[in-house]
């Protein structure tokens, strides 16, 4: 009974977080409604993989509120809205509506934004420790910027590991292929002297006697992975610079102000503790 009571209190707190900010709640409700419509359509079309992605999207959309209750932090409205739109753009538009294929730069935009947001998360973790009264931290703006950058790049690399693993283990194509017209490799050196040999102006590839229906050679994921990491780098570096000047000059008009979570106020902490005891 005690565990059930704690779970009910936790769910009530998550629901309260969802409804706390009107603009966030309206966007959350609108996106959730659209995802539900897509989910029903995928079920009617017996596309169960896409239906699962819809369920996953609905779960991920609750994640910001779960994080707020679990770690007792207040996510800024702007950050919450960006996260919700990012999830919708990646899963529903990108995967189900095939925006990754229809718009060449869709994946690039999302990876750049991901680098920016992950840097904000890393920055926030250090900023919250800096504000703790129980633990003495006095970290310099430069150190906070470096941590934010490294945190974002680590998340980006781990995601590429995940994509590579899924492609190798389950035969997927998460590391999207790229059509190229020039290749260079030491394996093409007939003398085996480690000399790089190039083949240019490739417009047709024959595999097992069958010509592939592409105008060029198929690069298997390398270019996509490196482009993802490069734009992740750009996003992380951009926020790290912004975060550095935000802390150094206490610029409260900076965009960073709307992206950095803060610990719950004492009043909110007390109200939540009281609800848990009921």
C-alpha atoms as a PDB file:
ATOM      1  CA  UNK A   1       0.000   0.000   0.000  1.00  0.00           C
ATOM      2  CA  UNK A   2       2.840   2.386   0.864  1.00  0.00           C
ATOM      3  CA  UNK A   3       4.514   1.788  -2.502  1.00  0.00           C
ATOM      4  CA  UNK A   4       1.208   2.357  -4.318  1.00  0.00           C
ATOM      5  CA  UNK A   5       0.720   5.611  -2.412  1.00  0.00           C
ATOM      6  CA  UNK A   6       4.205   6.834  -3.371  1.00  0.00           C
ATOM      7  CA  UNK A   7       3.550   5.943  -7.010  1.00  0.00           C
ATOM      8  CA  UNK A   8       0.213   7.817  -7.000  1.00  0.00           C
ATOM      9  CA  UNK A   9       1.857  10.885  -5.447  1.00  0.00           C
ATOM     10  CA  UNK A  10       4.626  10.739  -8.035  1.00  0.00           C
ATOM     11  CA  UNK A  11       2.092  10.539 -10.889  1.00  0.00           C
ATOM     12  CA  UNK A  12       0.130  13.465  -9.450  1.00  0.00           C
ATOM     13  CA  UNK A  13       3.321  15.508  -9.236  1.00  0.00           C
ATOM     14  CA  UNK A  14       4.213  14.702 -12.862  1.00  0.00           C
ATOM     15  CA  UNK A  15       0.691  15.677 -13.972  1.00  0.00           C
ATOM     16  CA  UNK A  16       0.965  18.943 -12.023  1.00  0.00           C
ATOM     17  CA  UNK A  17       4.269  19.703 -13.762  1.00  0.00           C
ATOM     18  CA  UNK A  18       2.658  19.116 -17.148  1.00  0.00           C
ATOM     19  CA  UNK A  19      -0.097  21.608 -16.368  1.00  0.00           C
ATOM     20  CA  UNK A  20       2.009  24.183 -14.506  1.00  0.00           C
ATOM     21  CA  UNK A  21       2.911  26.302 -17.538  1.00  0.00           C
ATOM     22  CA  UNK A  22       0.021  27.071 -19.871  1.00  0.00           C
ATOM     23  CA  UNK A  23       2.058  27.469 -23.082  1.00  0.00           C
ATOM     24  CA  UNK A  24       3.958  24.213 -22.504  1.00  0.00           C
ATOM     25  CA  UNK A  25       0.764  22.334 -21.691  1.00  0.00           C
ATOM     26  CA  UNK A  26      -0.996  23.597 -24.826  1.00  0.00           C
ATOM     27  CA  UNK A  27       1.896  22.534 -27.062  1.00  0.00           C
ATOM     28  CA  UNK A  28       2.167  19.196 -25.241  1.00  0.00           C
ATOM     29  CA  UNK A  29      -1.563  18.561 -25.681  1.00  0.00           C
ATOM     30  CA  UNK A  30      -1.506  19.524 -29.366  1.00  0.00           C
ATOM     31  CA  UNK A  31       1.505  17.347 -30.160  1.00  0.00           C
ATOM     32  CA  UNK A  32       0.093  14.457 -28.146  1.00  0.00           C
ATOM     33  CA  UNK A  33      -3.189  14.690 -30.090  1.00  0.00           C
ATOM     34  CA  UNK A  34      -1.329  14.589 -33.427  1.00  0.00           C
ATOM     35  CA  UNK A  35       0.757  11.612 -32.311  1.00  0.00           C
ATOM     36  CA  UNK A  36      -2.405   9.785 -31.256  1.00  0.00           C
ATOM     37  CA  UNK A  37      -3.972  10.384 -34.682  1.00  0.00           C
ATOM     38  CA  UNK A  38      -0.831   9.059 -36.391  1.00  0.00           C
ATOM     39  CA  UNK A  39      -0.848   6.054 -34.037  1.00  0.00           C
ATOM     40  CA  UNK A  40      -4.420   5.143 -35.012  1.00  0.00           C
ATOM     41  CA  UNK A  41      -3.600   5.521 -38.710  1.00  0.00           C
ATOM     42  CA  UNK A  42      -0.566   3.232 -38.370  1.00  0.00           C
ATOM     43  CA  UNK A  43      -2.664   0.602 -36.612  1.00  0.00           C
ATOM     44  CA  UNK A  44      -5.305   0.740 -39.359  1.00  0.00           C
ATOM     45  CA  UNK A  45      -2.522   0.304 -41.942  1.00  0.00           C
ATOM     46  CA  UNK A  46      -1.056  -2.554 -39.869  1.00  0.00           C
ATOM     47  CA  UNK A  47       2.233  -0.725 -39.663  1.00  0.00           C
ATOM     48  CA  UNK A  48       3.079  -1.906 -36.166  1.00  0.00           C
ATOM     49  CA  UNK A  49       6.679  -0.681 -36.144  1.00  0.00           C
ATOM     50  CA  UNK A  50       5.518   2.890 -36.723  1.00  0.00           C
ATOM     51  CA  UNK A  51       2.769   2.383 -34.140  1.00  0.00           C
ATOM     52  CA  UNK A  52       5.452   1.435 -31.621  1.00  0.00           C
ATOM     53  CA  UNK A  53       7.349   4.646 -32.486  1.00  0.00           C
ATOM     54  CA  UNK A  54       4.183   6.610 -31.707  1.00  0.00           C
ATOM     55  CA  UNK A  55       3.926   4.951 -28.279  1.00  0.00           C
ATOM     56  CA  UNK A  56       7.614   5.677 -27.667  1.00  0.00           C
ATOM     57  CA  UNK A  57       7.041   9.328 -28.629  1.00  0.00           C
ATOM     58  CA  UNK A  58       4.175   9.650 -26.144  1.00  0.00           C
ATOM     59  CA  UNK A  59       6.395   8.245 -23.395  1.00  0.00           C
ATOM     60  CA  UNK A  60       9.306  10.535 -24.278  1.00  0.00           C
ATOM     61  CA  UNK A  61       7.025  13.573 -24.171  1.00  0.00           C
ATOM     62  CA  UNK A  62       6.346  12.916 -20.490  1.00  0.00           C
ATOM     63  CA  UNK A  63      10.068  12.619 -19.755  1.00  0.00           C
ATOM     64  CA  UNK A  64      10.722  16.352 -19.064  1.00  0.00           C
ATOM     65  CA  UNK A  65       8.079  16.370 -16.314  1.00  0.00           C
ATOM     66  CA  UNK A  66       9.400  13.091 -14.882  1.00  0.00           C
ATOM     67  CA  UNK A  67      12.901  14.608 -14.747  1.00  0.00           C
ATOM     68  CA  UNK A  68      11.585  17.696 -12.953  1.00  0.00           C
ATOM     69  CA  UNK A  69       9.886  15.646 -10.239  1.00  0.00           C
ATOM     70  CA  UNK A  70      12.673  13.080  -9.886  1.00  0.00           C
ATOM     71  CA  UNK A  71      15.549  15.575  -9.609  1.00  0.00           C
ATOM     72  CA  UNK A  72      13.559  18.464  -8.083  1.00  0.00           C
ATOM     73  CA  UNK A  73      14.475  20.923 -10.833  1.00  0.00           C
ATOM     74  CA  UNK A  74      12.438  23.468 -12.753  1.00  0.00           C
ATOM     75  CA  UNK A  75      12.861  23.305 -16.519  1.00  0.00           C
ATOM     76  CA  UNK A  76      12.368  26.685 -18.229  1.00  0.00           C
ATOM     77  CA  UNK A  77       9.307  26.883 -20.473  1.00  0.00           C
ATOM     78  CA  UNK A  78      11.436  27.549 -23.558  1.00  0.00           C
ATOM     79  CA  UNK A  79      13.562  24.446 -22.924  1.00  0.00           C
ATOM     80  CA  UNK A  80      10.513  22.236 -22.417  1.00  0.00           C
ATOM     81  CA  UNK A  81       8.901  23.450 -25.635  1.00  0.00           C
ATOM     82  CA  UNK A  82      12.096  22.876 -27.635  1.00  0.00           C
ATOM     83  CA  UNK A  83      12.438  19.347 -26.218  1.00  0.00           C
ATOM     84  CA  UNK A  84       8.818  18.474 -27.085  1.00  0.00           C
ATOM     85  CA  UNK A  85       9.130  19.796 -30.642  1.00  0.00           C
ATOM     86  CA  UNK A  86      12.484  18.031 -31.037  1.00  0.00           C
ATOM     87  CA  UNK A  87      10.967  14.665 -30.051  1.00  0.00           C
ATOM     88  CA  UNK A  88       8.045  15.157 -32.446  1.00  0.00           C
ATOM     89  CA  UNK A  89      10.326  16.262 -35.287  1.00  0.00           C
ATOM     90  CA  UNK A  90      12.697  13.326 -34.824  1.00  0.00           C
ATOM     91  CA  UNK A  91      10.249  10.464 -34.320  1.00  0.00           C
ATOM     92  CA  UNK A  92       7.002  11.408 -36.066  1.00  0.00           C
ATOM     93  CA  UNK A  93       8.164  13.709 -38.861  1.00  0.00           C
ATOM     94  CA  UNK A  94      11.625  12.218 -39.300  1.00  0.00           C
ATOM     95  CA  UNK A  95      10.932   8.478 -39.026  1.00  0.00           C
ATOM     96  CA  UNK A  96       7.236   7.971 -39.803  1.00  0.00           C
ATOM     97  CA  UNK A  97       6.694  10.817 -42.274  1.00  0.00           C
ATOM     98  CA  UNK A  98      10.118  10.163 -43.867  1.00  0.00           C
ATOM     99  CA  UNK A  99      11.399  13.730 -43.502  1.00  0.00           C
ATOM    100  CA  UNK A 100      14.916  12.306 -43.228  1.00  0.00           C
ATOM    101  CA  UNK A 101      14.612  11.137 -46.841  1.00  0.00           C
ATOM    102  CA  UNK A 102      12.474  13.981 -48.233  1.00  0.00           C
ATOM    103  CA  UNK A 103      14.530  16.833 -46.739  1.00  0.00           C
ATOM    104  CA  UNK A 104      18.308  16.203 -46.952  1.00  0.00           C
ATOM    105  CA  UNK A 105      19.164  18.587 -44.113  1.00  0.00           C
ATOM    106  CA  UNK A 106      16.486  17.428 -41.643  1.00  0.00           C
ATOM    107  CA  UNK A 107      18.895  15.082 -39.845  1.00  0.00           C
ATOM    108  CA  UNK A 108      21.613  17.751 -39.840  1.00  0.00           C
ATOM    109  CA  UNK A 109      19.303  20.320 -38.219  1.00  0.00           C
ATOM    110  CA  UNK A 110      18.232  17.879 -35.502  1.00  0.00           C
ATOM    111  CA  UNK A 111      21.802  16.796 -34.709  1.00  0.00           C
ATOM    112  CA  UNK A 112      22.883  20.443 -34.458  1.00  0.00           C
ATOM    113  CA  UNK A 113      19.997  21.157 -32.091  1.00  0.00           C
ATOM    114  CA  UNK A 114      20.815  18.006 -30.127  1.00  0.00           C
ATOM    115  CA  UNK A 115      24.405  19.206 -29.634  1.00  0.00           C
ATOM    116  CA  UNK A 116      23.105  22.572 -28.457  1.00  0.00           C
ATOM    117  CA  UNK A 117      20.565  21.067 -26.021  1.00  0.00           C
ATOM    118  CA  UNK A 118      22.969  18.475 -24.596  1.00  0.00           C
ATOM    119  CA  UNK A 119      25.486  21.239 -23.915  1.00  0.00           C
ATOM    120  CA  UNK A 120      22.701  23.081 -22.078  1.00  0.00           C
ATOM    121  CA  UNK A 121      22.045  19.981 -19.959  1.00  0.00           C
ATOM    122  CA  UNK A 122      25.741  19.547 -19.127  1.00  0.00           C
ATOM    123  CA  UNK A 123      26.019  23.243 -18.297  1.00  0.00           C
ATOM    124  CA  UNK A 124      22.940  23.032 -16.077  1.00  0.00           C
ATOM    125  CA  UNK A 125      24.315  20.102 -14.065  1.00  0.00           C
ATOM    126  CA  UNK A 126      27.412  22.106 -13.134  1.00  0.00           C
ATOM    127  CA  UNK A 127      25.399  25.293 -12.574  1.00  0.00           C
ATOM    128  CA  UNK A 128      23.078  23.516 -10.139  1.00  0.00           C
ATOM    129  CA  UNK A 129      26.100  22.162  -8.202  1.00  0.00           C
ATOM    130  CA  UNK A 130      27.498  25.694  -8.088  1.00  0.00           C
ATOM    131  CA  UNK A 131      24.287  26.872  -6.410  1.00  0.00           C
ATOM    132  CA  UNK A 132      24.148  24.107  -3.808  1.00  0.00           C
ATOM    133  CA  UNK A 133      24.626  25.389  -0.280  1.00  0.00           C
ATOM    134  CA  UNK A 134      25.340  21.929   1.192  1.00  0.00           C
ATOM    135  CA  UNK A 135      28.246  21.236  -1.173  1.00  0.00           C
ATOM    136  CA  UNK A 136      30.852  23.927  -1.771  1.00  0.00           C
ATOM    137  CA  UNK A 137      31.515  24.437  -5.479  1.00  0.00           C
ATOM    138  CA  UNK A 138      32.964  27.524  -7.080  1.00  0.00           C
ATOM    139  CA  UNK A 139      33.648  26.519 -10.658  1.00  0.00           C
ATOM    140  CA  UNK A 140      34.950  29.060 -13.155  1.00  0.00           C
ATOM    141  CA  UNK A 141      32.936  30.047 -16.261  1.00  0.00           C
ATOM    142  CA  UNK A 142      35.609  28.483 -18.494  1.00  0.00           C
ATOM    143  CA  UNK A 143      35.428  25.164 -16.641  1.00  0.00           C
ATOM    144  CA  UNK A 144      31.615  25.140 -16.889  1.00  0.00           C
ATOM    145  CA  UNK A 145      31.804  25.813 -20.631  1.00  0.00           C
ATOM    146  CA  UNK A 146      34.337  22.985 -21.122  1.00  0.00           C
ATOM    147  CA  UNK A 147      32.175  20.541 -19.139  1.00  0.00           C
ATOM    148  CA  UNK A 148      29.096  21.515 -21.174  1.00  0.00           C
ATOM    149  CA  UNK A 149      30.984  20.967 -24.432  1.00  0.00           C
ATOM    150  CA  UNK A 150      32.470  17.616 -23.368  1.00  0.00           C
ATOM    151  CA  UNK A 151      29.117  16.382 -22.048  1.00  0.00           C
ATOM    152  CA  UNK A 152      27.400  17.171 -25.341  1.00  0.00           C
ATOM    153  CA  UNK A 153      30.120  15.548 -27.456  1.00  0.00           C
ATOM    154  CA  UNK A 154      30.049  12.425 -25.268  1.00  0.00           C
ATOM    155  CA  UNK A 155      26.303  12.068 -25.777  1.00  0.00           C
ATOM    156  CA  UNK A 156      26.776  12.556 -29.524  1.00  0.00           C
ATOM    157  CA  UNK A 157      29.467   9.859 -29.717  1.00  0.00           C
ATOM    158  CA  UNK A 158      27.420   7.418 -27.620  1.00  0.00           C
ATOM    159  CA  UNK A 159      24.468   7.938 -29.977  1.00  0.00           C
ATOM    160  CA  UNK A 160      26.646   7.110 -32.980  1.00  0.00           C
ATOM    161  CA  UNK A 161      27.801   3.963 -31.143  1.00  0.00           C
ATOM    162  CA  UNK A 162      24.132   3.058 -30.707  1.00  0.00           C
ATOM    163  CA  UNK A 163      23.372   3.610 -34.392  1.00  0.00           C
ATOM    164  CA  UNK A 164      26.371   1.506 -35.431  1.00  0.00           C
ATOM    165  CA  UNK A 165      25.367  -1.286 -33.047  1.00  0.00           C
ATOM    166  CA  UNK A 166      21.780  -1.374 -34.318  1.00  0.00           C
ATOM    167  CA  UNK A 167      22.984  -1.488 -37.934  1.00  0.00           C
ATOM    168  CA  UNK A 168      25.443  -4.317 -37.234  1.00  0.00           C
ATOM    169  CA  UNK A 169      23.198  -6.418 -34.986  1.00  0.00           C
ATOM    170  CA  UNK A 170      19.792  -5.955 -36.625  1.00  0.00           C
ATOM    171  CA  UNK A 171      20.627  -4.985 -40.214  1.00  0.00           C
ATOM    172  CA  UNK A 172      19.086  -1.512 -39.942  1.00  0.00           C
ATOM    173  CA  UNK A 173      20.203   1.665 -41.682  1.00  0.00           C
ATOM    174  CA  UNK A 174      20.377   4.193 -38.859  1.00  0.00           C
ATOM    175  CA  UNK A 175      23.733   5.407 -40.180  1.00  0.00           C
ATOM    176  CA  UNK A 176      22.309   6.673 -43.438  1.00  0.00           C
ATOM    177  CA  UNK A 177      24.276   5.913 -46.603  1.00  0.00           C
ATOM    178  CA  UNK A 178      25.624   8.598 -48.950  1.00  0.00           C
ATOM    179  CA  UNK A 179      26.086   8.466 -52.713  1.00  0.00           C
ATOM    180  CA  UNK A 180      29.623   9.495 -53.700  1.00  0.00           C
ATOM    181  CA  UNK A 181      31.385   9.670 -57.059  1.00  0.00           C
ATOM    182  CA  UNK A 182      34.981   9.291 -55.865  1.00  0.00           C
ATOM    183  CA  UNK A 183      36.618   6.736 -53.574  1.00  0.00           C
ATOM    184  CA  UNK A 184      40.201   6.438 -52.341  1.00  0.00           C
ATOM    185  CA  UNK A 185      41.665   3.376 -50.619  1.00  0.00           C
ATOM    186  CA  UNK A 186      45.007   1.641 -50.007  1.00  0.00           C
ATOM    187  CA  UNK A 187      43.191  -1.674 -50.559  1.00  0.00           C
ATOM    188  CA  UNK A 188      43.023  -0.804 -54.268  1.00  0.00           C
ATOM    189  CA  UNK A 189      46.842  -0.769 -54.580  1.00  0.00           C
ATOM    190  CA  UNK A 190      47.734  -3.901 -56.591  1.00  0.00           C
ATOM    191  CA  UNK A 191      51.328  -3.780 -55.309  1.00  0.00           C
ATOM    192  CA  UNK A 192      50.139  -3.770 -51.667  1.00  0.00           C
ATOM    193  CA  UNK A 193      52.572  -0.924 -50.885  1.00  0.00           C
ATOM    194  CA  UNK A 194      50.061   1.053 -48.807  1.00  0.00           C
ATOM    195  CA  UNK A 195      49.660   3.609 -51.585  1.00  0.00           C
ATOM    196  CA  UNK A 196      46.290   5.319 -51.835  1.00  0.00           C
ATOM    197  CA  UNK A 197      44.545   4.657 -55.154  1.00  0.00           C
ATOM    198  CA  UNK A 198      41.591   6.790 -56.256  1.00  0.00           C
ATOM    199  CA  UNK A 199      38.705   6.009 -58.570  1.00  0.00           C
ATOM    200  CA  UNK A 200      36.855   9.085 -59.846  1.00  0.00           C
ATOM    201  CA  UNK A 201      33.686   9.840 -61.797  1.00  0.00           C
ATOM    202  CA  UNK A 202      31.825   6.771 -60.555  1.00  0.00           C
ATOM    203  CA  UNK A 203      28.284   6.725 -61.951  1.00  0.00           C
ATOM    204  CA  UNK A 204      27.395   3.043 -61.912  1.00  0.00           C
ATOM    205  CA  UNK A 205      28.106   0.126 -59.571  1.00  0.00           C
ATOM    206  CA  UNK A 206      27.563  -3.519 -60.574  1.00  0.00           C
ATOM    207  CA  UNK A 207      27.047  -5.990 -57.722  1.00  0.00           C
ATOM    208  CA  UNK A 208      26.879  -9.714 -58.482  1.00  0.00           C
ATOM    209  CA  UNK A 209      26.155  -8.946 -62.109  1.00  0.00           C
ATOM    210  CA  UNK A 210      23.338  -6.508 -61.299  1.00  0.00           C
ATOM    211  CA  UNK A 211      23.649  -2.751 -61.672  1.00  0.00           C
ATOM    212  CA  UNK A 212      22.490  -0.811 -58.608  1.00  0.00           C
ATOM    213  CA  UNK A 213      19.898   1.861 -59.315  1.00  0.00           C
ATOM    214  CA  UNK A 214      22.055   4.700 -57.983  1.00  0.00           C
ATOM    215  CA  UNK A 215      24.184   7.301 -59.733  1.00  0.00           C
ATOM    216  CA  UNK A 216      27.473   6.639 -57.969  1.00  0.00           C
ATOM    217  CA  UNK A 217      29.096   4.568 -55.249  1.00  0.00           C
ATOM    218  CA  UNK A 218      27.362   3.822 -51.935  1.00  0.00           C
ATOM    219  CA  UNK A 219      29.240   5.071 -48.884  1.00  0.00           C
ATOM    220  CA  UNK A 220      28.133   2.902 -45.936  1.00  0.00           C
ATOM    221  CA  UNK A 221      27.425   5.345 -43.121  1.00  0.00           C
ATOM    222  CA  UNK A 222      30.855   6.972 -42.636  1.00  0.00           C
ATOM    223  CA  UNK A 223      30.003  10.367 -44.139  1.00  0.00           C
ATOM    224  CA  UNK A 224      26.676  10.476 -42.268  1.00  0.00           C
ATOM    225  CA  UNK A 225      28.372   9.685 -38.944  1.00  0.00           C
ATOM    226  CA  UNK A 226      31.091  12.301 -39.395  1.00  0.00           C
ATOM    227  CA  UNK A 227      28.602  14.965 -40.511  1.00  0.00           C
ATOM    228  CA  UNK A 228      26.456  14.208 -37.445  1.00  0.00           C
ATOM    229  CA  UNK A 229      29.446  14.602 -35.129  1.00  0.00           C
ATOM    230  CA  UNK A 230      30.586  17.811 -36.853  1.00  0.00           C
ATOM    231  CA  UNK A 231      27.195  19.534 -36.500  1.00  0.00           C
ATOM    232  CA  UNK A 232      26.929  18.199 -32.920  1.00  0.00           C
ATOM    233  CA  UNK A 233      30.312  19.875 -32.354  1.00  0.00           C
ATOM    234  CA  UNK A 234      28.983  23.153 -33.780  1.00  0.00           C
ATOM    235  CA  UNK A 235      25.862  23.060 -31.598  1.00  0.00           C
ATOM    236  CA  UNK A 236      27.862  22.202 -28.464  1.00  0.00           C
ATOM    237  CA  UNK A 237      30.471  24.869 -29.147  1.00  0.00           C
ATOM    238  CA  UNK A 238      27.801  27.523 -29.752  1.00  0.00           C
ATOM    239  CA  UNK A 239      26.077  26.923 -26.422  1.00  0.00           C
ATOM    240  CA  UNK A 240      29.385  26.614 -24.559  1.00  0.00           C
ATOM    241  CA  UNK A 241      30.420  30.088 -25.760  1.00  0.00           C
ATOM    242  CA  UNK A 242      27.023  31.484 -24.802  1.00  0.00           C
ATOM    243  CA  UNK A 243      27.173  29.789 -21.402  1.00  0.00           C
ATOM    244  CA  UNK A 244      30.662  31.131 -20.731  1.00  0.00           C
ATOM    245  CA  UNK A 245      29.656  34.764 -21.300  1.00  0.00           C
ATOM    246  CA  UNK A 246      26.367  34.216 -19.442  1.00  0.00           C
ATOM    247  CA  UNK A 247      28.207  33.185 -16.265  1.00  0.00           C
ATOM    248  CA  UNK A 248      31.189  35.519 -16.617  1.00  0.00           C
ATOM    249  CA  UNK A 249      29.140  38.691 -17.098  1.00  0.00           C
ATOM    250  CA  UNK A 250      25.887  37.559 -15.406  1.00  0.00           C
ATOM    251  CA  UNK A 251      23.952  38.463 -18.538  1.00  0.00           C
ATOM    252  CA  UNK A 252      20.365  37.649 -17.556  1.00  0.00           C
ATOM    253  CA  UNK A 253      19.083  38.837 -20.938  1.00  0.00           C
ATOM    254  CA  UNK A 254      20.951  35.991 -22.630  1.00  0.00           C
ATOM    255  CA  UNK A 255      19.110  33.124 -24.331  1.00  0.00           C
ATOM    256  CA  UNK A 256      20.899  30.843 -21.855  1.00  0.00           C
ATOM    257  CA  UNK A 257      18.616  32.135 -19.093  1.00  0.00           C
ATOM    258  CA  UNK A 258      15.673  30.416 -20.793  1.00  0.00           C
ATOM    259  CA  UNK A 259      17.521  27.116 -21.240  1.00  0.00           C
ATOM    260  CA  UNK A 260      19.127  26.482 -17.839  1.00  0.00           C
ATOM    261  CA  UNK A 261      17.043  24.581 -15.229  1.00  0.00           C
ATOM    262  CA  UNK A 262      16.994  25.716 -11.627  1.00  0.00           C
ATOM    263  CA  UNK A 263      16.473  23.790  -8.376  1.00  0.00           C
ATOM    264  CA  UNK A 264      12.956  23.802  -6.951  1.00  0.00           C
ATOM    265  CA  UNK A 265      12.151  26.644  -4.591  1.00  0.00           C
ATOM    266  CA  UNK A 266      11.882  25.815  -0.870  1.00  0.00           C
ATOM    267  CA  UNK A 267       8.103  26.325  -1.058  1.00  0.00           C
ATOM    268  CA  UNK A 268       7.727  23.844  -3.906  1.00  0.00           C
ATOM    269  CA  UNK A 269       9.997  21.342  -2.165  1.00  0.00           C
ATOM    270  CA  UNK A 270       7.928  21.605   1.008  1.00  0.00           C
ATOM    271  CA  UNK A 271       4.628  21.206  -0.882  1.00  0.00           C
ATOM    272  CA  UNK A 272       5.876  18.081  -2.640  1.00  0.00           C
ATOM    273  CA  UNK A 273       7.184  16.548   0.599  1.00  0.00           C
ATOM    274  CA  UNK A 274       3.840  17.254   2.223  1.00  0.00           C
ATOM    275  CA  UNK A 275       1.945  15.526  -0.594  1.00  0.00           C
ATOM    276  CA  UNK A 276       4.172  12.453  -0.263  1.00  0.00           C
ATOM    277  CA  UNK A 277       3.288  12.084   3.422  1.00  0.00           C
ATOM    278  CA  UNK A 278      -0.452  12.175   2.758  1.00  0.00           C
END
